């Protein structure tokens, strides 16, 4: 009787929420470790940058403003943290689909593959957001935030995590064995190193256009601009790219998972 009073469109919109609830009940016992990792990992990263090799590197000129190297690198490491949290969470899709048969159980209900993919992608976004939340807290405590625009960094990290969650969902559908997981860090390492993470985009010279091919670069550019208070129209383009990646990745993952389960 109660369900009959709820509009069909609203019930359909709540289906991905059921996926989130399932993952929460299964994984809530380990959330304390996720939060701990979200704090200590950036803490050691930023300490080593500020007190270690960062003290040996001269200040960086960014948009006509000179900033300490540690403050320049911190937003990029924040973006990478959101990427890692989301990507590694979506790798569980392989086990849910191939071994645990969780997707088969979910799809025996009124849920569609789109509902499942959206739910899993949002769960990966939450995981990446938890890492980012701890990272931003450490940045603020260490004096690496210099603009009130930095308050928008957290929602941007959620967008980064959403985009990489969608990418991770697609990647997971191509995995055929546990050994295939070895290729994922290999692919992520160039993204981490060559997305204007440690050097300004201007240092890439004639190859600067290559940066636009990296999803991580668009996140790095957004976070760095907000942290330094350097806003530009280019930020709209970076945001649009991340939104497009999330949307396209969700559609592709839905179709591939549906095809895999049917076959």
Protein backbone atom coordinates (compact mmCIF):
# COMPACT_ATOMS: atom_id res chain seq x y z
CA UNK A 1 0.00 0.00 0.00
CA UNK A 2 2.79 2.40 0.91
CA UNK A 3 4.76 1.69 -2.26
CA UNK A 4 1.64 2.30 -4.34
CA UNK A 5 1.46 5.84 -2.97
CA UNK A 6 5.03 6.61 -4.07
CA UNK A 7 5.32 7.78 -7.70
CA UNK A 8 7.03 5.27 -9.99
CA UNK A 9 9.69 7.80 -11.04
CA UNK A 10 10.64 8.36 -7.40
CA UNK A 11 10.88 4.63 -6.69
CA UNK A 12 13.12 4.23 -9.74
CA UNK A 13 15.32 7.11 -8.62
CA UNK A 14 15.81 5.42 -5.25
CA UNK A 15 17.08 2.15 -6.70
CA UNK A 16 20.77 3.20 -6.77
CA UNK A 17 20.31 4.17 -3.12
CA UNK A 18 19.64 0.50 -2.35
CA UNK A 19 23.03 -0.37 -3.81
CA UNK A 20 24.65 2.22 -1.56
CA UNK A 21 22.81 0.82 1.46
CA UNK A 22 24.00 -2.69 0.64
CA UNK A 23 27.64 -1.60 0.36
CA UNK A 24 27.35 0.41 3.58
CA UNK A 25 26.06 -2.54 5.61
CA UNK A 26 28.77 -4.80 4.19
CA UNK A 27 31.69 -2.40 4.53
CA UNK A 28 30.86 -0.12 7.45
CA UNK A 29 33.17 -2.05 9.77
CA UNK A 30 36.20 -1.02 7.72
CA UNK A 31 35.32 2.66 7.36
CA UNK A 32 37.52 3.64 10.29
CA UNK A 33 40.51 2.33 8.35
CA UNK A 34 39.45 4.26 5.26
CA UNK A 35 39.31 7.44 7.33
CA UNK A 36 42.67 6.65 8.92
CA UNK A 37 44.21 6.07 5.51
CA UNK A 38 42.64 9.31 4.28
CA UNK A 39 44.47 11.15 7.07
CA UNK A 40 47.86 9.48 7.39
CA UNK A 41 48.58 9.03 3.68
CA UNK A 42 48.33 12.76 2.86
CA UNK A 43 50.01 13.64 6.15
CA UNK A 44 53.14 11.70 5.22
CA UNK A 45 52.97 12.92 1.62
CA UNK A 46 52.73 16.57 2.58
CA UNK A 47 55.26 16.36 5.40
CA UNK A 48 57.81 14.81 3.04
CA UNK A 49 57.05 17.49 0.46
CA UNK A 50 57.19 20.44 2.83
CA UNK A 51 60.12 19.36 4.97
CA UNK A 52 61.88 17.08 2.51
CA UNK A 53 62.58 17.69 -1.15
CA UNK A 54 60.16 20.63 -1.23
CA UNK A 55 62.62 22.66 0.84
CA UNK A 56 65.26 22.07 -1.84
CA UNK A 57 63.12 23.38 -4.70
CA UNK A 58 62.59 27.07 -5.39
CA UNK A 59 59.15 28.65 -5.25
CA UNK A 60 56.95 28.12 -8.31
CA UNK A 61 55.44 30.90 -10.42
CA UNK A 62 51.77 30.17 -11.07
CA UNK A 63 49.75 32.74 -12.99
CA UNK A 64 52.06 35.56 -11.98
CA UNK A 65 52.05 34.52 -8.34
CA UNK A 66 54.95 32.86 -6.56
CA UNK A 67 53.99 30.03 -4.20
CA UNK A 68 56.02 27.52 -2.17
CA UNK A 69 56.54 24.24 -3.97
CA UNK A 70 54.64 22.27 -1.31
CA UNK A 71 51.58 24.49 -1.75
CA UNK A 72 51.85 24.04 -5.52
CA UNK A 73 51.96 20.23 -5.31
CA UNK A 74 49.35 19.73 -2.56
CA UNK A 75 46.21 20.22 -4.73
CA UNK A 76 47.60 17.79 -7.31
CA UNK A 77 48.18 15.17 -4.63
CA UNK A 78 44.63 15.82 -3.43
CA UNK A 79 43.29 15.09 -6.92
CA UNK A 80 45.39 11.93 -7.10
CA UNK A 81 44.03 10.85 -3.72
CA UNK A 82 40.44 11.15 -4.97
CA UNK A 83 41.41 9.24 -8.11
CA UNK A 84 43.04 6.41 -6.19
CA UNK A 85 40.20 6.05 -3.71
CA UNK A 86 37.58 5.80 -6.45
CA UNK A 87 39.57 3.57 -8.81
CA UNK A 88 40.56 1.01 -6.22
CA UNK A 89 37.01 0.78 -4.89
CA UNK A 90 35.58 0.00 -8.34
CA UNK A 91 37.96 -2.90 -8.74
CA UNK A 92 35.62 -4.79 -6.41
CA UNK A 93 33.18 -4.84 -9.33
CA UNK A 94 35.12 -7.74 -10.83
CA UNK A 95 34.48 -9.89 -7.77
CA UNK A 96 30.86 -8.81 -7.40
CA UNK A 97 30.18 -9.71 -11.01
CA UNK A 98 32.33 -12.80 -11.56
CA UNK A 99 32.66 -14.54 -8.19
CA UNK A 100 30.10 -13.35 -5.66
CA UNK A 101 27.34 -13.07 -8.29
CA UNK A 102 26.01 -10.05 -6.43
CA UNK A 103 24.96 -8.36 -9.66
CA UNK A 104 22.91 -11.40 -10.64
CA UNK A 105 21.05 -11.13 -7.34
CA UNK A 106 20.52 -7.39 -7.72
CA UNK A 107 19.23 -7.74 -11.26
CA UNK A 108 16.71 -10.36 -10.20
CA UNK A 109 14.90 -7.43 -8.57
CA UNK A 110 13.34 -4.49 -10.48
CA UNK A 111 16.82 -2.90 -10.64
CA UNK A 112 18.46 -2.31 -14.01
CA UNK A 113 22.16 -2.46 -14.83
CA UNK A 114 22.08 1.33 -14.94
CA UNK A 115 20.84 1.43 -11.35
CA UNK A 116 23.62 -0.91 -10.24
CA UNK A 117 26.34 1.01 -12.08
CA UNK A 118 25.13 4.36 -10.74
CA UNK A 119 25.03 2.95 -7.22
CA UNK A 120 28.52 1.46 -7.48
CA UNK A 121 29.92 4.64 -9.03
CA UNK A 122 28.41 6.75 -6.25
CA UNK A 123 29.88 4.37 -3.69
CA UNK A 124 33.31 4.81 -5.28
CA UNK A 125 32.72 8.57 -5.16
CA UNK A 126 32.06 8.37 -1.43
CA UNK A 127 35.26 6.37 -0.96
CA UNK A 128 37.28 8.92 -2.92
CA UNK A 129 35.56 11.73 -1.02
CA UNK A 130 36.59 10.24 2.32
CA UNK A 131 40.22 10.23 1.24
CA UNK A 132 39.88 13.80 -0.02
CA UNK A 133 38.21 15.02 3.17
CA UNK A 134 41.17 13.90 5.26
CA UNK A 135 43.60 15.33 2.74
CA UNK A 136 41.98 18.77 2.76
CA UNK A 137 42.03 18.78 6.56
CA UNK A 138 45.76 18.07 6.58
CA UNK A 139 46.37 20.78 3.95
CA UNK A 140 44.51 23.35 6.04
CA UNK A 141 46.32 22.34 9.24
CA UNK A 142 49.68 22.72 7.50
CA UNK A 143 48.83 26.14 6.07
CA UNK A 144 48.69 25.02 2.44
CA UNK A 145 45.37 26.68 1.64
CA UNK A 146 45.57 30.35 0.76
CA UNK A 147 42.13 31.30 -0.57
CA UNK A 148 38.53 31.08 0.59
CA UNK A 149 37.79 29.56 -2.81
CA UNK A 150 39.51 26.51 -1.37
CA UNK A 151 36.22 25.70 0.36
CA UNK A 152 35.03 24.47 -3.03
CA UNK A 153 37.82 21.92 -3.27
CA UNK A 154 35.81 19.20 -1.54
CA UNK A 155 32.90 19.19 -4.04
CA UNK A 156 35.45 19.23 -6.85
CA UNK A 157 37.18 16.18 -5.39
CA UNK A 158 33.78 14.44 -5.39
CA UNK A 159 33.48 15.24 -9.10
CA UNK A 160 36.98 13.85 -9.69
CA UNK A 161 36.09 10.71 -7.76
CA UNK A 162 32.84 10.40 -9.72
CA UNK A 163 34.68 10.61 -13.05
CA UNK A 164 37.30 8.07 -12.04
CA UNK A 165 34.64 5.88 -10.47
CA UNK A 166 32.98 5.69 -13.88
CA UNK A 167 36.34 4.99 -15.52
CA UNK A 168 37.02 2.28 -12.96
CA UNK A 169 33.64 0.66 -13.64
CA UNK A 170 34.49 0.44 -17.33
CA UNK A 171 37.98 -0.92 -16.63
CA UNK A 172 36.56 -3.55 -14.28
CA UNK A 173 34.41 -4.96 -17.08
CA UNK A 174 37.55 -5.77 -19.09
CA UNK A 175 39.22 -7.71 -16.28
CA UNK A 176 39.15 -11.45 -16.86
CA UNK A 177 41.46 -12.69 -14.09
CA UNK A 178 43.13 -11.47 -10.91
CA UNK A 179 46.41 -11.11 -12.82
CA UNK A 180 44.87 -8.34 -14.93
CA UNK A 181 44.84 -6.06 -11.88
CA UNK A 182 48.59 -5.61 -12.36
CA UNK A 183 47.95 -3.44 -15.41
CA UNK A 184 45.89 -0.89 -13.50
CA UNK A 185 48.69 0.71 -11.41
CA UNK A 186 50.83 0.68 -14.56
CA UNK A 187 48.23 2.78 -16.36
CA UNK A 188 47.60 5.07 -13.39
CA UNK A 189 51.27 5.90 -12.80
CA UNK A 190 51.68 8.02 -15.99
CA UNK A 191 48.49 9.89 -15.09
CA UNK A 192 49.94 10.65 -11.67
CA UNK A 193 53.32 11.77 -12.99
CA UNK A 194 52.29 13.64 -16.15
CA UNK A 195 49.20 15.65 -15.21
CA UNK A 196 51.02 18.85 -14.16
CA UNK A 197 51.31 17.17 -10.78
CA UNK A 198 54.86 18.16 -9.92
CA UNK A 199 55.59 20.80 -12.58
CA UNK A 200 53.61 23.73 -14.04
CA UNK A 201 51.76 23.12 -17.29
CA UNK A 202 54.01 25.69 -18.98
CA UNK A 203 57.03 23.42 -18.45
CA UNK A 204 55.60 20.93 -20.96
CA UNK A 205 56.32 23.33 -23.82
CA UNK A 206 55.07 22.16 -27.22
CA UNK A 207 53.61 19.04 -25.62
CA UNK A 208 51.30 20.95 -23.32
CA UNK A 209 48.30 19.81 -25.37
CA UNK A 210 48.95 16.25 -24.17
CA UNK A 211 47.86 17.30 -20.68
CA UNK A 212 44.29 17.69 -21.92
CA UNK A 213 44.21 13.95 -22.66
CA UNK A 214 44.66 13.18 -18.96
CA UNK A 215 41.45 13.10 -16.89
CA UNK A 216 43.51 13.75 -13.78
CA UNK A 217 44.94 16.98 -15.21
CA UNK A 218 41.49 18.55 -15.40
CA UNK A 219 40.99 17.79 -11.72
CA UNK A 220 44.45 19.10 -10.83
CA UNK A 221 43.84 22.35 -12.72
CA UNK A 222 40.51 22.90 -10.94
CA UNK A 223 41.85 22.22 -7.45
CA UNK A 224 45.02 24.24 -7.93
CA UNK A 225 43.09 27.22 -9.26
CA UNK A 226 40.66 27.14 -6.33
CA UNK A 227 43.38 26.68 -3.74
CA UNK A 228 45.33 29.65 -5.07
CA UNK A 229 42.25 31.76 -5.76
CA UNK A 230 43.07 31.94 -9.47
CA UNK A 231 39.75 31.54 -11.25
CA UNK A 232 39.39 31.41 -15.03
CA UNK A 233 36.88 30.47 -17.70
CA UNK A 234 39.01 27.42 -18.44
CA UNK A 235 37.67 25.93 -15.22
CA UNK A 236 34.28 25.51 -16.88
CA UNK A 237 35.96 23.44 -19.57
CA UNK A 238 37.75 21.27 -17.01
CA UNK A 239 34.47 20.74 -15.16
CA UNK A 240 32.65 19.83 -18.38
CA UNK A 241 35.29 17.23 -19.23
CA UNK A 242 34.95 15.51 -15.85
CA UNK A 243 31.14 15.54 -16.07
CA UNK A 244 31.29 14.09 -19.59
CA UNK A 245 33.68 11.33 -18.48
CA UNK A 246 31.35 10.39 -15.63
CA UNK A 247 28.29 10.30 -17.90
CA UNK A 248 29.89 8.41 -20.79
CA UNK A 249 31.66 5.98 -18.46
CA UNK A 250 28.40 5.15 -16.69
CA UNK A 251 26.65 4.40 -19.99
CA UNK A 252 29.50 2.23 -21.30
CA UNK A 253 29.82 0.32 -18.04
CA UNK A 254 26.07 -0.33 -17.94
CA UNK A 255 26.04 -1.76 -21.44
CA UNK A 256 29.13 -3.91 -20.92
CA UNK A 257 27.87 -5.34 -17.62
CA UNK A 258 24.48 -6.11 -19.13
CA UNK A 259 26.13 -7.84 -22.10
CA UNK A 260 28.44 -9.83 -19.81
CA UNK A 261 25.62 -11.04 -17.59
CA UNK A 262 23.38 -11.96 -20.51
CA UNK A 263 26.14 -13.95 -22.19
